[in-house]
N, C-alpha and C. Protein backbone atom coordinates (compact mmCIF):
# COMPACT_ATOMS: atom_id res chain seq x y z
N MET A 1 -7.13 30.38 40.50
CA MET A 1 -6.40 29.32 41.17
C MET A 1 -5.12 29.87 41.81
N TYR A 2 -4.39 30.68 41.02
CA TYR A 2 -3.14 31.26 41.54
C TYR A 2 -3.41 32.13 42.76
N ARG A 3 -4.42 32.99 42.66
CA ARG A 3 -4.74 33.89 43.78
C ARG A 3 -5.14 33.11 45.02
N SER A 4 -5.96 32.09 44.83
CA SER A 4 -6.40 31.32 46.01
C SER A 4 -5.21 30.63 46.67
N LEU A 5 -4.28 30.10 45.87
CA LEU A 5 -3.08 29.47 46.45
C LEU A 5 -2.20 30.49 47.17
N VAL A 6 -2.06 31.68 46.59
CA VAL A 6 -1.24 32.72 47.22
C VAL A 6 -1.86 33.15 48.54
N PHE A 7 -3.18 33.39 48.54
CA PHE A 7 -3.83 33.81 49.79
C PHE A 7 -3.77 32.72 50.85
N ALA A 8 -3.93 31.47 50.44
CA ALA A 8 -3.93 30.38 51.43
C ALA A 8 -2.54 30.13 51.99
N ASN A 9 -1.50 30.37 51.19
CA ASN A 9 -0.14 30.04 51.62
C ASN A 9 0.75 31.26 51.85
N HIS A 10 0.18 32.42 52.00
CA HIS A 10 0.98 33.63 52.20
C HIS A 10 1.60 33.63 53.59
N PRO A 11 2.88 34.01 53.72
CA PRO A 11 3.54 33.99 55.04
C PRO A 11 2.91 34.95 56.06
N ASP A 12 2.31 36.06 55.59
CA ASP A 12 1.68 37.00 56.52
C ASP A 12 0.43 36.39 57.16
N ALA A 13 -0.22 35.47 56.45
CA ALA A 13 -1.41 34.82 57.02
C ALA A 13 -1.03 33.76 58.04
N HIS A 14 0.21 33.28 57.99
CA HIS A 14 0.69 32.24 58.91
C HIS A 14 2.02 32.70 59.52
N PRO A 15 1.99 33.60 60.49
CA PRO A 15 3.26 34.10 61.05
C PRO A 15 4.04 33.05 61.82
N GLU A 16 3.38 32.02 62.35
CA GLU A 16 4.09 31.01 63.14
C GLU A 16 5.01 30.14 62.28
N ASN A 17 4.65 29.84 61.03
CA ASN A 17 5.48 29.02 60.12
C ASN A 17 5.83 29.82 58.86
N SER A 18 6.38 30.99 59.03
CA SER A 18 6.62 31.87 57.88
C SER A 18 7.66 31.29 56.91
N ARG A 19 8.69 30.61 57.44
CA ARG A 19 9.72 30.02 56.56
C ARG A 19 9.11 28.97 55.62
N GLU A 20 8.32 28.09 56.17
CA GLU A 20 7.69 27.02 55.38
C GLU A 20 6.78 27.61 54.30
N TYR A 21 6.02 28.64 54.63
CA TYR A 21 5.09 29.24 53.67
C TYR A 21 5.82 30.10 52.64
N GLU A 22 6.98 30.65 53.03
CA GLU A 22 7.79 31.38 52.05
C GLU A 22 8.28 30.44 50.94
N GLU A 23 8.69 29.22 51.33
CA GLU A 23 9.12 28.22 50.34
C GLU A 23 7.95 27.85 49.42
N LYS A 24 6.76 27.68 50.00
CA LYS A 24 5.59 27.33 49.18
C LYS A 24 5.26 28.45 48.19
N ILE A 25 5.37 29.71 48.65
CA ILE A 25 5.09 30.85 47.77
C ILE A 25 6.10 30.91 46.63
N LYS A 26 7.38 30.60 46.92
CA LYS A 26 8.40 30.58 45.86
C LYS A 26 8.04 29.54 44.78
N ILE A 27 7.63 28.36 45.24
CA ILE A 27 7.25 27.29 44.30
C ILE A 27 6.05 27.72 43.46
N ILE A 28 5.06 28.33 44.12
CA ILE A 28 3.85 28.79 43.40
C ILE A 28 4.22 29.86 42.38
N ASN A 29 5.11 30.80 42.76
CA ASN A 29 5.54 31.86 41.84
C ASN A 29 6.31 31.30 40.63
N GLU A 30 7.17 30.30 40.88
CA GLU A 30 7.90 29.67 39.78
C GLU A 30 6.94 28.99 38.80
N ALA A 31 5.98 28.28 39.39
CA ALA A 31 4.99 27.60 38.54
C ALA A 31 4.20 28.61 37.72
N TYR A 32 3.83 29.71 38.36
CA TYR A 32 3.06 30.74 37.65
C TYR A 32 3.90 31.39 36.55
N SER A 33 5.18 31.63 36.83
CA SER A 33 6.04 32.24 35.80
C SER A 33 6.21 31.31 34.60
N ILE A 34 6.29 30.01 34.87
CA ILE A 34 6.39 29.04 33.77
C ILE A 34 5.11 29.05 32.95
N LEU A 35 3.96 29.06 33.64
CA LEU A 35 2.69 29.07 32.92
C LEU A 35 2.45 30.39 32.21
N GLU A 36 2.98 31.47 32.80
CA GLU A 36 2.79 32.79 32.21
C GLU A 36 3.56 32.92 30.89
N HIS A 37 4.77 32.37 30.85
CA HIS A 37 5.57 32.40 29.62
C HIS A 37 5.35 31.08 28.88
N ASN A 38 4.78 31.16 27.72
CA ASN A 38 4.39 29.97 26.98
C ASN A 38 5.57 29.24 26.34
N THR A 39 6.74 29.84 26.32
CA THR A 39 7.85 29.19 25.63
C THR A 39 8.21 27.85 26.25
N PHE A 40 8.28 27.80 27.57
CA PHE A 40 8.60 26.54 28.24
C PHE A 40 7.51 25.50 27.96
N TYR A 41 6.26 25.94 28.08
CA TYR A 41 5.13 25.05 27.83
C TYR A 41 5.13 24.58 26.37
N GLU A 42 5.40 25.51 25.45
CA GLU A 42 5.42 25.16 24.03
C GLU A 42 6.54 24.18 23.71
N GLU A 43 7.71 24.36 24.37
CA GLU A 43 8.81 23.41 24.16
C GLU A 43 8.40 22.01 24.60
N ARG A 44 7.79 21.94 25.79
CA ARG A 44 7.34 20.64 26.29
C ARG A 44 6.24 20.07 25.38
N LYS A 45 5.35 20.94 24.95
CA LYS A 45 4.27 20.51 24.09
C LYS A 45 4.81 20.00 22.76
N SER A 46 5.78 20.72 22.19
CA SER A 46 6.34 20.29 20.91
C SER A 46 7.06 18.94 21.04
N VAL A 47 7.74 18.73 22.17
CA VAL A 47 8.40 17.43 22.39
C VAL A 47 7.36 16.33 22.47
N ARG A 48 6.27 16.59 23.20
CA ARG A 48 5.21 15.60 23.34
C ARG A 48 4.54 15.33 21.98
N GLU A 49 4.27 16.40 21.23
CA GLU A 49 3.65 16.22 19.92
C GLU A 49 4.58 15.47 18.97
N GLU A 50 5.87 15.77 19.06
CA GLU A 50 6.85 15.07 18.22
C GLU A 50 6.86 13.58 18.54
N LYS A 51 6.80 13.26 19.82
CA LYS A 51 6.77 11.86 20.23
C LYS A 51 5.50 11.18 19.74
N GLU A 52 4.35 11.88 19.87
CA GLU A 52 3.09 11.31 19.39
C GLU A 52 3.13 11.10 17.89
N ARG A 53 3.68 12.07 17.15
CA ARG A 53 3.79 11.96 15.70
C ARG A 53 4.70 10.79 15.33
N TYR A 54 5.80 10.63 16.07
CA TYR A 54 6.71 9.52 15.81
C TYR A 54 6.00 8.18 16.02
N GLU A 55 5.25 8.08 17.14
CA GLU A 55 4.54 6.83 17.42
C GLU A 55 3.49 6.54 16.35
N LYS A 56 2.79 7.59 15.91
CA LYS A 56 1.78 7.42 14.88
C LYS A 56 2.42 6.98 13.57
N ASN A 57 3.52 7.63 13.18
CA ASN A 57 4.23 7.25 11.96
C ASN A 57 4.79 5.84 12.05
N LYS A 58 5.24 5.48 13.25
CA LYS A 58 5.76 4.13 13.47
C LYS A 58 4.66 3.10 13.22
N GLN A 59 3.45 3.40 13.72
CA GLN A 59 2.32 2.50 13.52
C GLN A 59 1.95 2.43 12.03
N ILE A 60 1.94 3.58 11.37
CA ILE A 60 1.62 3.61 9.94
C ILE A 60 2.65 2.82 9.15
N LYS A 61 3.94 2.97 9.50
CA LYS A 61 4.99 2.23 8.80
C LYS A 61 4.83 0.73 9.00
N LYS A 62 4.46 0.33 10.23
CA LYS A 62 4.23 -1.10 10.48
C LYS A 62 3.12 -1.61 9.58
N GLU A 63 2.02 -0.83 9.49
CA GLU A 63 0.91 -1.24 8.64
C GLU A 63 1.32 -1.30 7.18
N GLN A 64 2.13 -0.33 6.73
CA GLN A 64 2.59 -0.33 5.35
C GLN A 64 3.48 -1.54 5.07
N ILE A 65 4.36 -1.84 6.00
CA ILE A 65 5.26 -2.99 5.82
C ILE A 65 4.45 -4.28 5.76
N LEU A 66 3.48 -4.42 6.68
CA LEU A 66 2.64 -5.62 6.66
C LEU A 66 1.86 -5.72 5.36
N THR A 67 1.32 -4.59 4.91
CA THR A 67 0.58 -4.58 3.65
C THR A 67 1.48 -4.99 2.50
N GLU A 68 2.71 -4.45 2.45
CA GLU A 68 3.64 -4.81 1.39
C GLU A 68 3.97 -6.29 1.43
N ILE A 69 4.19 -6.82 2.63
CA ILE A 69 4.52 -8.24 2.76
C ILE A 69 3.37 -9.10 2.26
N ILE A 70 2.16 -8.75 2.68
CA ILE A 70 0.99 -9.54 2.28
C ILE A 70 0.79 -9.45 0.78
N VAL A 71 0.87 -8.23 0.24
CA VAL A 71 0.65 -8.06 -1.20
C VAL A 71 1.74 -8.76 -1.99
N LYS A 72 3.02 -8.61 -1.57
CA LYS A 72 4.10 -9.27 -2.29
C LYS A 72 3.95 -10.78 -2.24
N SER A 73 3.61 -11.32 -1.08
CA SER A 73 3.46 -12.78 -0.99
C SER A 73 2.30 -13.25 -1.84
N TYR A 74 1.24 -12.44 -1.92
CA TYR A 74 0.09 -12.80 -2.74
C TYR A 74 0.47 -12.82 -4.22
N TYR A 75 1.20 -11.77 -4.65
CA TYR A 75 1.58 -11.70 -6.05
C TYR A 75 2.71 -12.66 -6.39
N GLN A 76 3.56 -12.99 -5.42
CA GLN A 76 4.62 -13.95 -5.69
C GLN A 76 4.07 -15.36 -5.81
N ALA A 77 2.91 -15.60 -5.22
CA ALA A 77 2.29 -16.90 -5.37
C ALA A 77 1.82 -17.11 -6.80
N GLN A 78 1.56 -16.01 -7.51
CA GLN A 78 1.19 -16.06 -8.92
C GLN A 78 2.46 -15.83 -9.74
N PRO A 79 2.45 -16.17 -11.01
CA PRO A 79 3.65 -15.96 -11.83
C PRO A 79 3.89 -14.48 -12.15
N GLU A 80 4.61 -13.79 -11.30
CA GLU A 80 5.04 -12.41 -11.50
C GLU A 80 3.93 -11.48 -11.95
N ILE A 81 2.87 -11.40 -11.17
CA ILE A 81 1.80 -10.46 -11.49
C ILE A 81 2.17 -9.12 -10.89
N ASN A 82 2.12 -8.09 -11.68
CA ASN A 82 2.37 -6.75 -11.18
C ASN A 82 1.57 -5.76 -11.99
N LYS A 83 1.69 -4.49 -11.64
CA LYS A 83 0.86 -3.48 -12.30
C LYS A 83 1.36 -3.13 -13.70
N SER A 84 2.58 -3.46 -14.03
CA SER A 84 3.08 -3.15 -15.37
C SER A 84 2.98 -4.40 -16.23
N ARG A 85 1.77 -4.79 -16.51
CA ARG A 85 1.51 -6.02 -17.27
C ARG A 85 1.19 -5.73 -18.73
N PHE A 86 1.17 -6.76 -19.49
CA PHE A 86 0.56 -6.80 -20.82
C PHE A 86 1.14 -5.81 -21.82
N ASP A 87 2.42 -5.92 -22.11
CA ASP A 87 3.03 -5.08 -23.14
C ASP A 87 3.04 -5.78 -24.49
N MET A 88 3.37 -7.05 -24.49
CA MET A 88 3.51 -7.77 -25.75
C MET A 88 2.19 -8.28 -26.30
N LEU A 89 1.11 -8.00 -25.60
CA LEU A 89 -0.21 -8.39 -26.10
C LEU A 89 -0.49 -7.74 -27.45
N GLU A 90 0.07 -6.54 -27.68
CA GLU A 90 -0.18 -5.83 -28.92
C GLU A 90 0.38 -6.57 -30.14
N SER A 91 1.36 -7.46 -29.93
CA SER A 91 1.87 -8.23 -31.06
C SER A 91 0.89 -9.30 -31.50
N TYR A 92 -0.05 -9.66 -30.65
CA TYR A 92 -1.02 -10.70 -30.99
C TYR A 92 -2.28 -10.13 -31.62
N ILE A 93 -2.68 -8.95 -31.22
CA ILE A 93 -3.94 -8.40 -31.71
C ILE A 93 -3.77 -6.93 -32.08
N THR A 94 -4.70 -6.40 -32.84
CA THR A 94 -4.61 -4.99 -33.23
C THR A 94 -5.27 -4.09 -32.21
N LYS A 95 -6.43 -4.46 -31.75
CA LYS A 95 -7.09 -3.68 -30.71
C LYS A 95 -6.89 -4.39 -29.38
N VAL A 96 -6.61 -3.62 -28.35
CA VAL A 96 -6.23 -4.20 -27.07
C VAL A 96 -7.26 -3.83 -26.02
N SER A 97 -7.54 -4.78 -25.16
CA SER A 97 -8.52 -4.55 -24.10
C SER A 97 -7.82 -4.06 -22.84
N SER A 98 -8.61 -3.78 -21.83
CA SER A 98 -8.07 -3.24 -20.58
C SER A 98 -8.15 -4.27 -19.48
N LEU A 99 -7.06 -4.39 -18.73
CA LEU A 99 -7.06 -5.17 -17.50
C LEU A 99 -6.45 -4.29 -16.44
N ASN A 100 -7.21 -3.97 -15.41
CA ASN A 100 -6.71 -3.10 -14.34
C ASN A 100 -6.81 -3.86 -13.04
N ILE A 101 -5.67 -4.09 -12.37
CA ILE A 101 -5.63 -4.91 -11.16
C ILE A 101 -6.44 -4.27 -10.04
N ASN A 102 -6.45 -2.95 -9.96
CA ASN A 102 -7.12 -2.27 -8.85
C ASN A 102 -8.58 -1.95 -9.13
N ARG A 103 -9.17 -2.56 -10.13
CA ARG A 103 -10.54 -2.26 -10.49
C ARG A 103 -11.37 -3.53 -10.46
N ALA A 104 -12.64 -3.40 -10.08
CA ALA A 104 -13.53 -4.55 -10.11
C ALA A 104 -13.75 -4.95 -11.57
N PRO A 105 -13.95 -6.25 -11.84
CA PRO A 105 -14.13 -6.69 -13.21
C PRO A 105 -15.39 -6.09 -13.83
N THR A 106 -15.28 -5.62 -15.06
CA THR A 106 -16.44 -5.11 -15.78
C THR A 106 -16.40 -5.66 -17.19
N VAL A 107 -17.54 -5.74 -17.83
CA VAL A 107 -17.61 -6.19 -19.21
C VAL A 107 -17.97 -4.99 -20.07
N ASN A 108 -17.03 -4.55 -20.90
CA ASN A 108 -17.26 -3.44 -21.82
C ASN A 108 -16.38 -3.68 -23.02
N VAL A 109 -16.92 -4.31 -24.05
CA VAL A 109 -16.11 -4.74 -25.18
C VAL A 109 -15.93 -3.65 -26.23
N LEU A 110 -16.55 -2.49 -26.05
CA LEU A 110 -16.50 -1.46 -27.07
C LEU A 110 -15.39 -0.44 -26.85
N GLU A 111 -14.63 -0.57 -25.78
CA GLU A 111 -13.68 0.47 -25.38
C GLU A 111 -12.27 -0.09 -25.33
N PRO A 112 -11.51 -0.10 -26.44
CA PRO A 112 -10.15 -0.65 -26.41
C PRO A 112 -9.16 0.28 -25.72
N VAL A 113 -8.30 -0.28 -24.87
CA VAL A 113 -7.30 0.48 -24.13
C VAL A 113 -5.99 -0.30 -24.21
N THR A 114 -4.86 0.39 -24.23
CA THR A 114 -3.57 -0.32 -24.30
C THR A 114 -3.27 -1.01 -22.99
N ILE A 115 -2.47 -2.07 -23.07
CA ILE A 115 -2.14 -2.88 -21.90
C ILE A 115 -0.63 -3.07 -21.86
N ASP A 116 -0.03 -2.93 -20.69
CA ASP A 116 1.41 -3.16 -20.53
C ASP A 116 1.65 -4.61 -20.14
N TYR A 117 2.68 -5.19 -20.72
CA TYR A 117 2.98 -6.61 -20.47
C TYR A 117 4.45 -6.79 -20.14
N ALA A 118 4.75 -7.50 -19.06
CA ALA A 118 6.13 -7.87 -18.75
C ALA A 118 6.48 -9.12 -19.55
N ARG A 119 7.75 -9.48 -19.57
CA ARG A 119 8.20 -10.59 -20.43
C ARG A 119 7.54 -11.91 -20.06
N ASN A 120 7.53 -12.26 -18.79
CA ASN A 120 6.94 -13.53 -18.38
C ASN A 120 5.44 -13.56 -18.61
N GLU A 121 4.78 -12.42 -18.41
CA GLU A 121 3.35 -12.38 -18.63
C GLU A 121 3.02 -12.57 -20.11
N ALA A 122 3.95 -12.16 -20.98
CA ALA A 122 3.75 -12.38 -22.41
C ALA A 122 3.74 -13.87 -22.71
N LYS A 123 4.62 -14.61 -22.05
CA LYS A 123 4.63 -16.06 -22.24
C LYS A 123 3.33 -16.68 -21.73
N ILE A 124 2.87 -16.17 -20.59
CA ILE A 124 1.61 -16.67 -20.04
C ILE A 124 0.48 -16.43 -21.03
N LEU A 125 0.43 -15.21 -21.57
CA LEU A 125 -0.63 -14.89 -22.52
C LEU A 125 -0.50 -15.73 -23.78
N ASN A 126 0.74 -16.00 -24.19
CA ASN A 126 0.96 -16.84 -25.36
C ASN A 126 0.34 -18.22 -25.14
N ALA A 127 0.55 -18.78 -23.96
CA ALA A 127 -0.06 -20.07 -23.64
C ALA A 127 -1.57 -19.95 -23.63
N PHE A 128 -2.05 -18.84 -23.13
CA PHE A 128 -3.49 -18.61 -23.07
C PHE A 128 -4.09 -18.45 -24.47
N VAL A 129 -3.35 -17.77 -25.34
CA VAL A 129 -3.82 -17.53 -26.71
C VAL A 129 -3.95 -18.84 -27.48
N LYS A 130 -3.07 -19.78 -27.18
CA LYS A 130 -3.09 -21.05 -27.91
C LYS A 130 -4.35 -21.87 -27.62
N GLN A 131 -5.05 -21.53 -26.56
CA GLN A 131 -6.30 -22.23 -26.28
C GLN A 131 -7.38 -21.73 -27.23
N ASN A 132 -8.48 -22.44 -27.24
CA ASN A 132 -9.58 -22.10 -28.12
C ASN A 132 -10.35 -20.91 -27.55
N VAL A 133 -10.17 -19.73 -28.15
CA VAL A 133 -10.77 -18.50 -27.64
C VAL A 133 -12.28 -18.59 -27.67
N GLU A 134 -12.85 -19.19 -28.73
CA GLU A 134 -14.31 -19.27 -28.84
C GLU A 134 -14.89 -20.09 -27.69
N SER A 135 -14.22 -21.18 -27.31
CA SER A 135 -14.75 -21.99 -26.21
C SER A 135 -14.68 -21.23 -24.89
N ILE A 136 -13.64 -20.40 -24.71
CA ILE A 136 -13.55 -19.60 -23.49
C ILE A 136 -14.66 -18.56 -23.47
N ILE A 137 -14.89 -17.92 -24.63
CA ILE A 137 -15.97 -16.93 -24.71
C ILE A 137 -17.30 -17.60 -24.41
N GLU A 138 -17.49 -18.79 -24.98
CA GLU A 138 -18.75 -19.50 -24.77
C GLU A 138 -18.90 -19.94 -23.31
N GLU A 139 -17.81 -20.40 -22.72
CA GLU A 139 -17.85 -20.87 -21.33
C GLU A 139 -18.23 -19.74 -20.38
N TYR A 140 -17.68 -18.57 -20.60
CA TYR A 140 -17.97 -17.45 -19.70
C TYR A 140 -19.09 -16.56 -20.22
N GLN A 141 -19.73 -16.98 -21.33
CA GLN A 141 -20.93 -16.33 -21.88
C GLN A 141 -20.70 -14.85 -22.19
N PHE A 142 -19.64 -14.57 -22.93
CA PHE A 142 -19.37 -13.20 -23.37
C PHE A 142 -19.92 -13.03 -24.78
N GLU A 143 -20.50 -11.91 -25.03
CA GLU A 143 -20.99 -11.60 -26.37
C GLU A 143 -20.01 -10.63 -27.03
N VAL A 144 -19.26 -11.12 -27.97
CA VAL A 144 -18.30 -10.28 -28.69
C VAL A 144 -18.89 -10.05 -30.08
N GLN A 145 -19.21 -8.80 -30.40
CA GLN A 145 -19.89 -8.49 -31.66
C GLN A 145 -18.95 -8.67 -32.85
N ASP A 146 -17.78 -8.09 -32.79
CA ASP A 146 -16.85 -8.14 -33.90
C ASP A 146 -15.64 -8.96 -33.48
N GLN A 147 -15.70 -10.28 -33.64
CA GLN A 147 -14.65 -11.15 -33.13
C GLN A 147 -13.34 -10.98 -33.90
N ALA A 148 -13.39 -10.51 -35.12
CA ALA A 148 -12.15 -10.32 -35.88
C ALA A 148 -11.31 -9.21 -35.28
N ASN A 149 -11.94 -8.12 -34.86
CA ASN A 149 -11.21 -6.98 -34.30
C ASN A 149 -11.10 -7.04 -32.78
N ASN A 150 -12.10 -7.59 -32.13
CA ASN A 150 -12.13 -7.61 -30.66
C ASN A 150 -11.95 -9.03 -30.13
N LYS A 151 -10.96 -9.72 -30.66
CA LYS A 151 -10.77 -11.12 -30.29
C LYS A 151 -10.56 -11.30 -28.79
N PHE A 152 -9.90 -10.31 -28.16
CA PHE A 152 -9.60 -10.42 -26.74
C PHE A 152 -10.45 -9.49 -25.89
N ALA A 153 -11.55 -9.03 -26.44
CA ALA A 153 -12.39 -8.09 -25.69
C ALA A 153 -12.97 -8.74 -24.44
N PHE A 154 -13.13 -10.06 -24.45
CA PHE A 154 -13.68 -10.73 -23.27
C PHE A 154 -12.75 -10.63 -22.06
N LEU A 155 -11.47 -10.28 -22.29
CA LEU A 155 -10.54 -10.13 -21.16
C LEU A 155 -10.94 -8.98 -20.25
N TYR A 156 -11.80 -8.10 -20.73
CA TYR A 156 -12.28 -7.01 -19.88
C TYR A 156 -12.85 -7.54 -18.57
N ALA A 157 -13.54 -8.65 -18.64
CA ALA A 157 -14.25 -9.14 -17.46
C ALA A 157 -13.33 -9.85 -16.49
N PHE A 158 -12.10 -10.13 -16.89
CA PHE A 158 -11.20 -10.88 -16.04
C PHE A 158 -10.28 -9.97 -15.26
N GLU A 159 -10.13 -10.23 -13.98
CA GLU A 159 -8.96 -9.75 -13.27
C GLU A 159 -7.83 -10.68 -13.73
N PRO A 160 -6.57 -10.26 -13.66
CA PRO A 160 -5.49 -11.11 -14.15
C PRO A 160 -5.47 -12.50 -13.49
N LEU A 161 -5.84 -12.57 -12.23
CA LEU A 161 -5.77 -13.84 -11.52
C LEU A 161 -6.81 -14.83 -12.03
N TYR A 162 -7.91 -14.34 -12.59
CA TYR A 162 -8.96 -15.23 -13.04
C TYR A 162 -8.50 -16.06 -14.23
N PHE A 163 -7.95 -15.40 -15.25
CA PHE A 163 -7.62 -16.17 -16.44
C PHE A 163 -6.29 -16.88 -16.30
N LEU A 164 -5.49 -16.57 -15.26
CA LEU A 164 -4.24 -17.31 -15.07
C LEU A 164 -4.51 -18.75 -14.64
N ASP A 165 -5.72 -19.01 -14.12
CA ASP A 165 -6.07 -20.38 -13.76
C ASP A 165 -6.18 -21.27 -14.99
N LEU A 166 -6.38 -20.67 -16.15
CA LEU A 166 -6.53 -21.44 -17.38
C LEU A 166 -5.20 -21.84 -18.00
N ILE A 167 -4.10 -21.34 -17.47
CA ILE A 167 -2.79 -21.60 -18.05
C ILE A 167 -2.32 -23.00 -17.65
N PRO A 168 -1.70 -23.72 -18.55
CA PRO A 168 -1.19 -25.05 -18.20
C PRO A 168 -0.11 -24.97 -17.12
N ASP A 169 -0.08 -26.01 -16.30
CA ASP A 169 0.88 -26.05 -15.20
C ASP A 169 2.33 -26.03 -15.70
N TRP A 170 2.60 -26.69 -16.80
CA TRP A 170 3.98 -26.75 -17.28
C TRP A 170 4.50 -25.37 -17.62
N TYR A 171 3.65 -24.48 -18.09
CA TYR A 171 4.11 -23.14 -18.42
C TYR A 171 4.47 -22.35 -17.17
N GLU A 172 3.70 -22.57 -16.11
CA GLU A 172 4.04 -21.94 -14.83
C GLU A 172 5.39 -22.44 -14.34
N LYS A 173 5.65 -23.73 -14.52
CA LYS A 173 6.93 -24.30 -14.09
C LYS A 173 8.09 -23.72 -14.90
N VAL A 174 7.88 -23.51 -16.19
CA VAL A 174 8.92 -22.89 -17.03
C VAL A 174 9.25 -21.50 -16.50
N ILE A 175 8.23 -20.75 -16.18
CA ILE A 175 8.43 -19.38 -15.68
C ILE A 175 9.11 -19.41 -14.32
N GLU A 176 8.68 -20.33 -13.44
CA GLU A 176 9.32 -20.45 -12.13
C GLU A 176 10.80 -20.78 -12.29
N ARG A 177 11.12 -21.71 -13.20
CA ARG A 177 12.52 -22.09 -13.42
C ARG A 177 13.33 -20.88 -13.91
N GLU A 178 12.76 -20.10 -14.82
CA GLU A 178 13.46 -18.90 -15.30
C GLU A 178 13.68 -17.90 -14.17
N ASN A 179 12.69 -17.75 -13.31
CA ASN A 179 12.83 -16.83 -12.19
C ASN A 179 13.92 -17.29 -11.22
N VAL A 180 13.99 -18.60 -10.97
CA VAL A 180 15.03 -19.15 -10.10
C VAL A 180 16.41 -18.91 -10.72
N GLU A 181 16.52 -19.12 -12.04
CA GLU A 181 17.80 -18.88 -12.72
C GLU A 181 18.21 -17.41 -12.61
N LYS A 182 17.25 -16.52 -12.78
CA LYS A 182 17.54 -15.08 -12.64
C LYS A 182 18.03 -14.77 -11.23
N LEU A 183 17.35 -15.34 -10.24
CA LEU A 183 17.72 -15.09 -8.85
C LEU A 183 19.13 -15.60 -8.56
N GLU A 184 19.45 -16.79 -9.05
CA GLU A 184 20.79 -17.33 -8.86
C GLU A 184 21.84 -16.48 -9.56
N ALA A 185 21.52 -15.99 -10.76
CA ALA A 185 22.46 -15.13 -11.48
C ALA A 185 22.69 -13.82 -10.72
N ASN A 186 21.63 -13.27 -10.16
CA ASN A 186 21.77 -12.04 -9.37
C ASN A 186 22.59 -12.29 -8.12
N ASN A 187 22.39 -13.44 -7.48
CA ASN A 187 23.16 -13.78 -6.28
C ASN A 187 24.65 -13.94 -6.60
N LYS A 188 24.97 -14.50 -7.77
CA LYS A 188 26.37 -14.65 -8.16
C LYS A 188 27.03 -13.29 -8.37
N HIS A 189 26.26 -12.36 -8.95
CA HIS A 189 26.81 -11.02 -9.19
C HIS A 189 27.01 -10.26 -7.90
N THR A 190 26.16 -10.47 -6.91
CA THR A 190 26.30 -9.75 -5.64
C THR A 190 27.43 -10.30 -4.80
N LEU A 191 27.75 -11.59 -4.97
CA LEU A 191 28.85 -12.18 -4.20
C LEU A 191 30.15 -11.71 -4.79
């Protein structure tokens, strides 16, 4: 390409307009010198790549923010559901079952695993415990072999949101009121 441009625009090939073709040859030589030395091209390329990376990260951040907003609003609609759940459950039973928010529900009553519980979730579970466990097991058709030791083994099959529907409304209101009081106390401290 360079050779063809040089031959086509060389001043010796066009003696009548030699000044005009000399200017064209200078431009062609400058362009070739820029292309010949990769530093200028690499600088431009790195700027372009940096801009593309910034735009891509910007899009990813938007998606992350939207995901956080959606997830937070979903969990805020429930009484403080989060991944650090079920700590005080151990005070109610000796063997503890597993509830994992990021896992599909499974029924496996033979495998006890510890569960983390936040303070409000402990109150929720307390309300849940006061209900008739046998009727819940019967309603959802769980077979618990050793009910004395695995009293809460049927919780394996529940995602946290499933069994929260069984909690009385008044208990949810108590928790909401406590959360509002905490928020107001935090606002007073920040002012």
